[in-house]
Amino acid sequence: MSDLALLTKTALVPTCADCGAPRFSTKPKKTPYCRACVRAHNARSPSRRAKASASMKARLADPHVRAEHIERAAEGLRLRIREDPAFAERRRAIGRRTGLLKRGMAQHPAGSPLRLANGRKSAATKLAWCPPEYRDEYRRLIKRQNIPAAEARPMIEDMIAADARRYAETGVLPQSARIEEAGA
């Protein structure tokens, strides 16, 4: 009988509650699990996972730490691609499959009815906060005036409020006059 087997038969060596492996340590244990099992146990615990997630999010909130983390991850990926040809080939295959998904774009080039309809739906979703009669002005501010969207939105909202006040006072819709002037 080996020394390990003899030690585990005695009551002096505690064993893991999951796998029964002996837990040798000079420090008192806070857990009844061996190293491998405690990692698995912690990974399954929702409270531990939430705590680890919150900790990582707080750590990555610092832009310098986040940039370092991204650089380390990118360097690790480059190293793995360089050293593992099978991994590199799997990534290339995924890229080719992704490219094949875009083949339908040739059937529906820019300006086709389907792409125009999808653009209108996308704009309606993204600009749901902006009434349709103000969307052209919003686009003009962003695209021609190069005003950031975060600044253009309050400008349009102020314009909407001013037009509402003028309408309450005069009964004339100012945006209607602007639309007519633009069309003339």
Protein backbone atom coordinates (compact mmCIF):
# COMPACT_ATOMS: atom_id res chain seq x y z
CA MET A 1 0.00 0.00 0.00
CA SER A 2 1.38 3.41 -0.93
CA ASP A 3 2.04 6.17 1.57
CA LEU A 4 -0.73 8.28 0.03
CA ALA A 5 -3.29 5.51 0.37
CA LEU A 6 -2.16 4.86 3.94
CA LEU A 7 -2.47 8.56 4.82
CA THR A 8 -5.95 8.86 3.36
CA LYS A 9 -7.19 5.86 5.31
CA THR A 10 -6.34 7.57 8.55
CA ALA A 11 -8.59 10.31 9.93
CA LEU A 12 -5.74 12.83 10.00
CA VAL A 13 -6.03 13.85 6.34
CA PRO A 14 -9.27 15.60 5.35
CA THR A 15 -10.82 14.66 2.02
CA CYS A 16 -12.76 16.64 -0.56
CA ALA A 17 -16.52 16.65 -0.07
CA ASP A 18 -17.07 16.23 -3.84
CA CYS A 19 -14.41 13.89 -5.21
CA GLY A 20 -12.95 12.37 -2.04
CA ALA A 21 -9.38 13.36 -2.91
CA PRO A 22 -7.08 14.10 0.03
CA ARG A 23 -6.63 17.80 0.84
CA PHE A 24 -3.05 18.36 2.02
CA SER A 25 -2.38 21.83 3.35
CA THR A 26 -0.59 23.55 6.18
CA LYS A 27 -3.24 26.27 6.30
CA PRO A 28 -6.71 25.74 7.78
CA LYS A 29 -9.32 25.33 5.05
CA LYS A 30 -12.43 27.48 4.77
CA THR A 31 -14.02 25.02 2.36
CA PRO A 32 -14.60 21.25 2.37
CA TYR A 33 -13.45 20.97 -1.29
CA CYS A 34 -10.09 20.34 -2.95
CA ARG A 35 -8.64 23.04 -5.25
CA ALA A 36 -10.16 21.63 -8.44
CA CYS A 37 -13.60 21.13 -6.91
CA VAL A 38 -13.72 24.52 -5.16
CA ARG A 39 -13.12 26.25 -8.51
CA ALA A 40 -15.97 24.30 -10.09
CA HIS A 41 -18.19 24.94 -7.05
CA ASN A 42 -17.49 28.71 -7.20
CA ALA A 43 -18.10 28.79 -10.94
CA ARG A 44 -21.58 27.29 -10.42
CA SER A 45 -22.54 29.68 -7.63
CA PRO A 46 -24.70 32.58 -8.92
CA SER A 47 -23.69 34.84 -6.03
CA ARG A 48 -19.96 34.23 -6.60
CA ARG A 49 -20.35 34.76 -10.34
CA ALA A 50 -22.23 38.05 -9.75
CA LYS A 51 -19.53 39.21 -7.33
CA ALA A 52 -16.74 38.34 -9.80
CA SER A 53 -18.63 40.04 -12.65
CA ALA A 54 -19.14 43.23 -10.63
CA SER A 55 -15.49 43.23 -9.63
CA MET A 56 -14.32 42.83 -13.24
CA LYS A 57 -16.71 45.54 -14.51
CA ALA A 58 -15.46 47.95 -11.85
CA ARG A 59 -11.85 47.14 -12.76
CA LEU A 60 -12.45 47.60 -16.49
CA ALA A 61 -14.22 50.93 -15.93
CA ASP A 62 -10.73 52.49 -15.76
CA PRO A 63 -9.80 53.28 -19.41
CA HIS A 64 -6.10 52.52 -18.85
CA VAL A 65 -6.81 49.10 -17.35
CA ARG A 66 -9.30 48.39 -20.14
CA ALA A 67 -6.77 49.35 -22.85
CA GLU A 68 -4.10 47.13 -21.25
CA HIS A 69 -6.59 44.26 -21.00
CA ILE A 70 -7.59 44.61 -24.66
CA GLU A 71 -3.93 44.73 -25.74
CA ARG A 72 -3.05 41.61 -23.69
CA ALA A 73 -6.04 39.75 -25.12
CA ALA A 74 -5.16 40.77 -28.69
CA GLU A 75 -1.52 39.74 -28.20
CA GLY A 76 -2.65 36.39 -26.78
CA LEU A 77 -4.88 35.84 -29.82
CA ARG A 78 -2.05 36.74 -32.21
CA LEU A 79 0.31 34.36 -30.40
CA ARG A 80 -2.23 31.52 -30.48
CA ILE A 81 -2.85 32.04 -34.22
CA ARG A 82 0.92 32.03 -34.84
CA GLU A 83 1.58 28.89 -32.78
CA ASP A 84 -1.56 26.79 -33.38
CA PRO A 85 -2.26 26.18 -37.10
CA ALA A 86 -5.51 24.31 -36.34
CA PHE A 87 -6.84 27.27 -34.36
CA ALA A 88 -5.81 29.67 -37.15
CA GLU A 89 -7.59 27.52 -39.74
CA ARG A 90 -10.78 27.42 -37.62
CA ARG A 91 -10.76 31.23 -37.42
CA ARG A 92 -10.25 31.51 -41.19
CA ALA A 93 -13.17 29.10 -41.77
CA ILE A 94 -15.41 31.18 -39.52
CA GLY A 95 -14.39 34.30 -41.47
CA ARG A 96 -15.21 32.62 -44.78
CA ARG A 97 -18.63 31.52 -43.47
CA THR A 98 -19.35 35.06 -42.28
CA GLY A 99 -18.42 36.37 -45.72
CA LEU A 100 -20.80 33.88 -47.34
CA LEU A 101 -23.62 35.29 -45.23
CA LYS A 102 -23.14 38.61 -47.02
CA ARG A 103 -23.54 37.08 -50.48
CA GLY A 104 -27.19 38.17 -50.57
CA MET A 105 -25.99 41.77 -50.64
CA ALA A 106 -25.22 41.33 -54.36
CA GLN A 107 -28.87 40.50 -55.03
CA HIS A 108 -29.98 43.67 -53.21
CA PRO A 109 -27.50 46.46 -54.06
CA ALA A 110 -27.68 49.93 -52.56
CA GLY A 111 -30.80 51.72 -53.81
CA SER A 112 -32.86 48.54 -54.27
CA PRO A 113 -36.42 48.65 -52.87
CA LEU A 114 -35.57 46.14 -50.13
CA ARG A 115 -32.52 48.10 -48.93
CA LEU A 116 -34.49 51.38 -49.03
CA ALA A 117 -37.31 49.85 -46.99
CA ASN A 118 -34.81 48.45 -44.47
CA GLY A 119 -33.18 51.87 -44.21
CA ARG A 120 -36.52 53.53 -43.51
CA LYS A 121 -37.34 50.94 -40.83
CA SER A 122 -33.92 51.38 -39.23
CA ALA A 123 -34.25 55.17 -39.25
CA ALA A 124 -37.75 54.97 -37.77
CA THR A 125 -36.39 52.81 -34.94
CA LYS A 126 -33.26 54.86 -34.25
CA LEU A 127 -35.00 58.22 -34.61
CA ALA A 128 -38.23 57.28 -32.82
CA TRP A 129 -37.66 60.21 -30.45
CA CYS A 130 -37.72 62.67 -33.37
CA PRO A 131 -40.98 63.51 -35.19
CA PRO A 132 -40.75 62.76 -38.94
CA GLU A 133 -40.98 66.42 -39.94
CA TYR A 134 -37.79 67.23 -37.97
CA ARG A 135 -35.67 64.27 -39.15
CA ASP A 136 -34.30 66.02 -42.24
CA GLU A 137 -33.14 68.92 -40.08
CA TYR A 138 -31.52 66.48 -37.63
CA ARG A 139 -29.71 64.72 -40.49
CA ARG A 140 -28.58 68.08 -41.90
CA LEU A 141 -27.09 69.07 -38.54
CA ILE A 142 -25.25 65.78 -38.20
CA LYS A 143 -24.07 65.23 -41.78
CA ARG A 144 -23.55 68.69 -43.24
CA GLN A 145 -22.83 70.73 -40.14
CA ASN A 146 -20.76 67.91 -38.53
CA ILE A 147 -22.47 68.42 -35.17
CA PRO A 148 -22.24 65.35 -32.90
CA ALA A 149 -25.54 63.51 -32.39
CA ALA A 150 -25.35 64.16 -28.64
CA GLU A 151 -25.42 67.91 -29.35
CA ALA A 152 -27.83 67.81 -32.31
CA ARG A 153 -30.59 66.03 -30.41
CA PRO A 154 -31.04 68.77 -27.76
CA MET A 155 -31.01 71.35 -30.56
CA ILE A 156 -33.87 69.55 -32.33
CA GLU A 157 -35.75 69.06 -29.05
CA ASP A 158 -35.44 72.81 -28.38
CA MET A 159 -36.71 73.50 -31.91
CA ILE A 160 -39.71 71.21 -31.30
CA ALA A 161 -40.51 72.99 -28.02
CA ALA A 162 -40.19 76.44 -29.64
CA ASP A 163 -42.47 75.39 -32.51
CA ALA A 164 -45.02 74.06 -30.02
CA ARG A 165 -44.97 77.42 -28.17
CA ARG A 166 -45.38 79.35 -31.44
CA TYR A 167 -48.24 77.08 -32.49
CA ALA A 168 -49.97 77.66 -29.15
CA GLU A 169 -49.63 81.44 -29.66
CA THR A 170 -50.39 81.78 -33.39
CA GLY A 171 -52.11 78.57 -34.49
CA VAL A 172 -49.61 78.22 -37.39
CA LEU A 173 -47.28 75.24 -37.61
CA PRO A 174 -43.76 76.65 -38.14
CA GLN A 175 -42.37 73.30 -39.31
CA SER A 176 -44.92 73.27 -42.16
CA ALA A 177 -43.54 76.57 -43.44
CA ARG A 178 -39.96 75.24 -43.24
CA ILE A 179 -40.93 72.10 -45.20
CA GLU A 180 -42.66 74.17 -47.88
CA GLU A 181 -39.63 76.48 -48.18
CA ALA A 182 -37.28 73.53 -48.53
CA GLY A 183 -39.45 71.98 -51.27
CA ALA A 184 -39.73 75.21 -53.27
